[in-house]
Protein backbone atom coordinates (compact mmCIF):
# COMPACT_ATOMS: atom_id res chain seq x y z
CA MET A 1 0.00 0.00 0.00
CA LEU A 2 1.20 3.50 -0.80
CA GLN A 3 -0.07 6.36 1.28
CA ILE A 4 0.34 10.02 0.29
CA LEU A 5 1.44 11.92 3.40
CA ASP A 6 0.08 15.26 4.54
CA PHE A 7 3.19 17.30 3.80
CA THR A 8 2.82 16.73 0.05
CA ARG A 9 2.65 20.21 -1.47
CA ASP A 10 4.23 22.44 -4.12
CA ASN A 11 7.10 20.35 -5.52
CA ILE A 12 7.24 17.86 -2.61
CA ILE A 13 5.80 14.37 -2.86
CA ALA A 14 5.69 12.61 0.49
CA SER A 15 4.71 8.96 0.56
CA LYS A 16 4.81 5.96 2.85
CA ALA A 17 5.09 2.41 1.52
CA GLU A 18 3.89 -0.56 3.55
CA GLY A 19 3.61 -4.18 2.49
CA GLN A 20 3.91 -4.79 -1.23
CA LEU A 21 3.41 -2.02 -3.80
CA LYS A 22 1.23 -2.84 -6.77
CA GLY A 23 0.58 -1.04 -10.06
CA HIS A 24 -2.41 0.90 -8.71
CA ASP A 25 -0.26 2.16 -5.84
CA MET A 26 2.26 3.69 -8.24
CA GLU A 27 -0.57 5.27 -10.25
CA LYS A 28 -1.29 7.49 -7.20
CA ILE A 29 2.05 9.22 -7.77
CA ASN A 30 1.73 9.86 -11.52
CA PRO A 31 -0.59 12.90 -11.34
CA LEU A 32 1.58 14.47 -8.62
CA VAL A 33 4.72 14.02 -10.72
CA HIS A 34 3.07 15.36 -13.85
CA ASN A 35 1.70 18.45 -12.06
CA ILE A 36 5.12 19.33 -10.65
CA VAL A 37 6.84 18.84 -14.02
CA ALA A 38 4.13 20.89 -15.80
CA SER A 39 4.73 23.75 -13.33
CA GLY A 40 8.42 23.82 -14.32
CA GLN A 41 9.67 22.74 -10.90
CA LYS A 42 11.95 19.88 -9.87
CA ILE A 43 10.51 17.05 -7.80
CA ARG A 44 11.52 16.43 -4.21
CA TRP A 45 10.36 12.99 -3.08
CA TYR A 46 10.22 11.73 0.49
CA PHE A 47 9.77 7.94 0.28
CA GLU A 48 9.25 6.27 3.66
CA MET A 49 9.31 2.47 3.91
CA GLU A 50 7.90 0.77 6.99
CA ASN A 51 7.17 -2.97 6.92
CA PHE A 52 7.80 -2.62 3.19
CA THR A 53 8.35 -5.87 1.31
CA GLY A 54 8.92 -4.53 -2.22
CA TRP A 55 6.89 -4.46 -5.43
CA ASN A 56 4.90 -6.99 -7.36
CA ALA A 57 5.78 -7.20 -11.08
CA LYS A 58 3.21 -4.58 -12.18
CA GLY A 59 4.20 -2.21 -9.34
CA LEU A 60 7.89 -2.50 -10.18
CA TRP A 61 7.20 -1.91 -13.89
CA GLU A 62 5.08 1.20 -13.17
CA ASP A 63 7.72 2.56 -10.78
CA LEU A 64 10.60 1.99 -13.20
CA LYS A 65 8.66 3.52 -16.10
CA MET A 66 7.90 6.67 -14.13
CA ASP A 67 11.41 7.00 -12.71
CA LEU A 68 13.10 6.58 -16.09
CA GLN A 69 10.70 8.94 -17.84
CA HIS A 70 11.29 11.65 -15.25
CA ALA A 71 14.90 10.93 -14.26
CA ARG A 72 15.96 14.53 -14.97
CA ASN A 73 12.95 16.00 -13.17
CA TYR A 74 13.98 14.91 -9.67
CA GLU A 75 15.98 17.28 -7.49
CA ARG A 76 16.13 15.35 -4.21
CA ILE A 77 14.98 11.94 -3.06
CA ALA A 78 14.94 10.95 0.60
CA MET A 79 14.71 7.18 1.05
CA VAL A 80 13.66 6.42 4.63
CA GLY A 81 13.79 2.80 5.68
CA GLU A 82 14.51 0.13 8.21
CA LYS A 83 16.36 -2.60 6.31
CA LYS A 84 19.76 -2.92 4.67
CA TRP A 85 18.26 -3.85 1.27
CA GLN A 86 16.32 -0.57 1.32
CA GLU A 87 19.58 1.32 1.76
CA LEU A 88 21.04 -0.65 -1.16
CA ILE A 89 18.14 0.45 -3.39
CA THR A 90 19.27 4.02 -2.75
CA GLN A 91 22.75 3.23 -4.07
CA PHE A 92 21.29 1.37 -7.05
CA MET A 93 19.17 4.41 -8.06
CA LYS A 94 22.00 6.96 -8.15
CA PRO A 95 23.33 6.29 -11.68
CA PHE A 96 19.83 6.63 -13.17
CA THR A 97 19.05 10.16 -12.04
CA SER A 98 20.72 13.51 -11.54
CA ALA A 99 18.88 13.91 -8.23
CA GLU A 100 20.66 14.05 -4.91
CA ILE A 101 19.59 10.86 -3.14
CA ARG A 102 20.07 10.16 0.55
CA TYR A 103 19.13 7.23 2.74
CA PHE A 104 17.84 7.83 6.28
CA ASP A 105 17.00 5.26 8.94
CA LEU A 106 13.35 5.26 10.00
CA ALA A 107 14.41 6.72 13.36
CA ASP A 108 15.75 9.75 11.45
CA LYS A 109 12.62 10.47 9.43
CA ALA A 110 12.33 13.99 10.90
CA ALA A 111 15.80 14.77 9.52
CA ALA A 112 14.79 13.32 6.14
CA ARG A 113 11.69 15.50 6.05
CA ALA A 114 13.70 18.59 7.02
CA TRP A 115 16.20 17.84 4.22
CA ILE A 116 13.46 17.43 1.60
CA GLU A 117 11.75 20.63 2.72
CA SER A 118 14.94 22.74 2.87
């Protein structure tokens, strides 16, 4: 499940992933991304993962499609998680975007939010 968090505004997308993300979960993000890009701004994405187990095939495909299509439209991405593999995803993403990407432990989510908002 993907939840859009209350501090989503302007060019900030704030989301929380729990369980397994499916295609319809990723479709929640598409209009937000397109609105930010259409306004001429760069995207700042706060992506929190708690009890997150990954993506099903459709969810992964939708996520990859969106990320590759908008790779140059991201300014900052804060990956907030609780597992080593989630930190590794952060490293894996870096060559595919010009965005500054940082990983934060779940205990440091306030610092991640402050970084995205600054």
